[in-house]
Protein backbone atom coordinates (compact mmCIF):
# COMPACT_ATOMS: atom_id res chain seq x y z
CA MET A 1 5.00 -1.80 0.54
CA ASP A 2 7.26 -2.76 3.42
CA VAL A 3 9.65 -5.61 2.61
CA ARG A 4 11.47 -7.71 5.17
CA TYR A 5 13.87 -10.53 4.38
CA ALA A 6 14.92 -13.06 7.02
CA GLU A 7 18.01 -14.19 5.08
CA GLY A 8 17.06 -17.81 5.69
CA ARG A 9 16.96 -17.32 9.47
CA SER A 10 13.62 -18.46 10.82
CA ASP A 11 14.52 -17.12 14.29
CA ARG A 12 14.03 -13.62 12.83
CA TYR A 13 10.37 -14.25 11.84
CA PRO A 14 8.71 -13.26 15.15
CA SER A 15 10.51 -9.90 15.40
CA MET A 16 9.87 -9.12 11.72
CA VAL A 17 6.18 -9.96 12.06
CA ALA A 18 5.91 -7.87 15.23
CA GLU A 19 7.47 -4.94 13.38
CA LEU A 20 5.00 -5.31 10.48
CA ILE A 21 2.08 -5.48 12.91
CA GLY A 22 3.35 -2.28 14.54
CA LEU A 23 3.37 -0.63 11.11
CA LYS A 24 -0.31 -1.56 10.76
CA VAL A 25 0.15 -3.29 7.39
CA ASP A 26 -2.93 -4.47 5.50
CA LEU A 27 -1.49 -7.83 4.45
CA ILE A 28 1.50 -10.05 5.18
CA VAL A 29 2.96 -12.11 2.34
CA ALA A 30 5.02 -14.94 3.82
CA GLY A 31 7.67 -16.57 1.67
CA GLY A 32 8.43 -19.14 4.36
CA SER A 33 6.26 -20.63 7.05
CA PRO A 34 3.33 -18.40 8.04
CA ASP A 35 3.29 -19.91 11.56
CA ALA A 36 5.08 -16.99 13.25
CA ALA A 37 2.67 -14.50 11.72
CA LYS A 38 -0.37 -16.61 12.62
CA LYS A 39 0.78 -16.77 16.25
CA LEU A 40 1.09 -12.99 16.51
CA THR A 41 -1.97 -11.77 14.62
CA SER A 42 -5.42 -12.98 13.79
CA THR A 43 -6.59 -9.72 12.23
CA ILE A 44 -4.05 -9.19 9.42
CA PRO A 45 -4.50 -11.54 6.43
CA ILE A 46 -1.48 -13.76 5.75
CA VAL A 47 -0.78 -14.99 2.23
CA MET A 48 1.77 -17.61 1.19
CA PRO A 49 3.17 -17.06 -2.31
CA ALA A 50 3.48 -20.12 -4.51
CA VAL A 51 7.13 -19.82 -5.48
CA THR A 52 8.77 -22.27 -7.79
CA GLU A 53 12.14 -21.90 -9.44
CA VAL A 54 11.42 -18.58 -11.09
CA GLU A 55 14.27 -16.55 -12.54
CA ARG A 56 12.45 -13.77 -14.42
CA VAL A 57 9.48 -11.79 -13.12
CA THR A 58 7.69 -8.95 -14.87
CA VAL A 59 5.76 -6.37 -12.86
CA LEU A 60 3.10 -4.40 -14.71
CA GLY A 61 2.11 -1.09 -13.17
CA SER A 62 0.15 1.94 -14.19
CA SER A 63 1.98 4.96 -15.51
CA ILE A 64 1.53 6.83 -12.25
CA PRO A 65 5.25 7.32 -11.64
CA THR A 66 5.41 7.73 -7.86
CA GLN A 67 3.16 4.81 -6.94
CA THR A 68 4.66 2.41 -9.47
CA GLN A 69 8.24 3.45 -8.69
CA GLU A 70 7.86 3.00 -4.92
CA LEU A 71 6.46 -0.51 -5.38
CA ALA A 72 9.03 -1.36 -8.05
CA ASP A 73 11.90 -0.26 -5.78
CA ALA A 74 10.64 -2.47 -2.94
CA MET A 75 10.13 -5.42 -5.28
CA GLU A 76 13.57 -4.91 -6.83
CA SER A 77 15.21 -5.24 -3.41
CA ALA A 78 13.31 -8.43 -2.67
CA ALA A 79 14.01 -9.85 -6.15
CA ARG A 80 17.72 -9.12 -5.84
CA ALA A 81 17.85 -10.92 -2.49
CA LEU A 82 16.16 -13.94 -4.08
CA GLY A 83 18.33 -13.90 -7.21
CA ILE A 84 15.40 -13.03 -9.49
CA ARG A 85 15.58 -10.71 -12.51
CA LEU A 86 12.80 -8.15 -12.28
CA GLN A 87 11.42 -6.27 -15.28
CA VAL A 88 9.10 -3.35 -14.51
CA LEU A 89 6.72 -2.27 -17.27
CA THR A 90 4.06 0.42 -17.26
CA ALA A 91 0.95 1.14 -19.26
CA SER A 92 -1.33 4.13 -18.95
CA ARG A 93 -4.00 3.00 -21.42
CA VAL A 94 -5.58 -0.32 -22.30
CA GLU A 95 -4.37 0.11 -25.88
CA GLU A 96 -0.77 -0.14 -24.62
CA LEU A 97 -1.25 -3.55 -23.02
CA GLU A 98 -0.62 -5.66 -26.12
CA GLY A 99 2.75 -4.00 -26.70
CA THR A 100 3.59 -4.23 -23.02
CA PHE A 101 2.83 -7.96 -22.97
CA ARG A 102 4.97 -8.39 -26.09
CA VAL A 103 7.90 -6.76 -24.27
CA ALA A 104 7.35 -9.09 -21.28
CA THR A 105 7.28 -12.11 -23.60
CA ASN A 106 10.44 -10.99 -25.40
CA GLY A 107 12.08 -10.61 -21.99
CA ARG A 108 11.14 -14.24 -21.31
CA ALA A 109 9.02 -13.42 -18.26
CA GLU A 110 8.06 -16.52 -16.31
CA THR A 111 5.74 -14.75 -13.91
CA LEU A 112 3.60 -11.63 -14.23
CA ILE A 113 2.60 -9.49 -11.26
CA VAL A 114 -0.03 -6.86 -12.03
CA LEU A 115 -0.13 -3.96 -9.58
CA ALA A 116 -3.64 -2.83 -8.73
CA SER A 117 -5.05 0.11 -10.67
CA ALA A 118 -8.56 1.16 -11.63
CA GLY A 119 -7.74 0.85 -15.33
CA PHE A 120 -6.36 -2.66 -14.97
CA THR A 121 -9.28 -3.79 -12.82
CA ALA A 122 -11.82 -2.45 -15.30
CA ASN A 123 -10.05 -4.27 -18.15
CA HIS A 124 -9.04 -7.49 -16.43
CA ARG A 125 -10.80 -9.71 -18.97
CA ARG A 126 -8.94 -8.11 -21.86
CA MET A 127 -5.66 -8.52 -19.98
CA ILE A 128 -6.28 -12.23 -19.43
CA GLU A 129 -6.99 -12.75 -23.10
């Protein structure tokens, strides 16, 4: 994951988008206006996150340390810049999910981000329940 933060300066959007395009990213998540990205690329999907006044976010990842840690580090930087408390939790088996969700609830998570993994995808219905 490559994170860029414009620090509230919309004049930085075009150069940041151009840099991401040069990195051949698969997806651009725009926290502000997606207009700059739409002007520069029609082949990379652009997603706007629905952000409200969130203070606590929990990220659930698989117990594959390298992959989860790299994503968590990138998300931590972005969260810090936005003034959001980030809690990173991992689970390696479906049986661990109930306890993991309990920890997220006790931490008063307002938003849950689930990182993609084969185990989570196969058990998405159980996770929703």
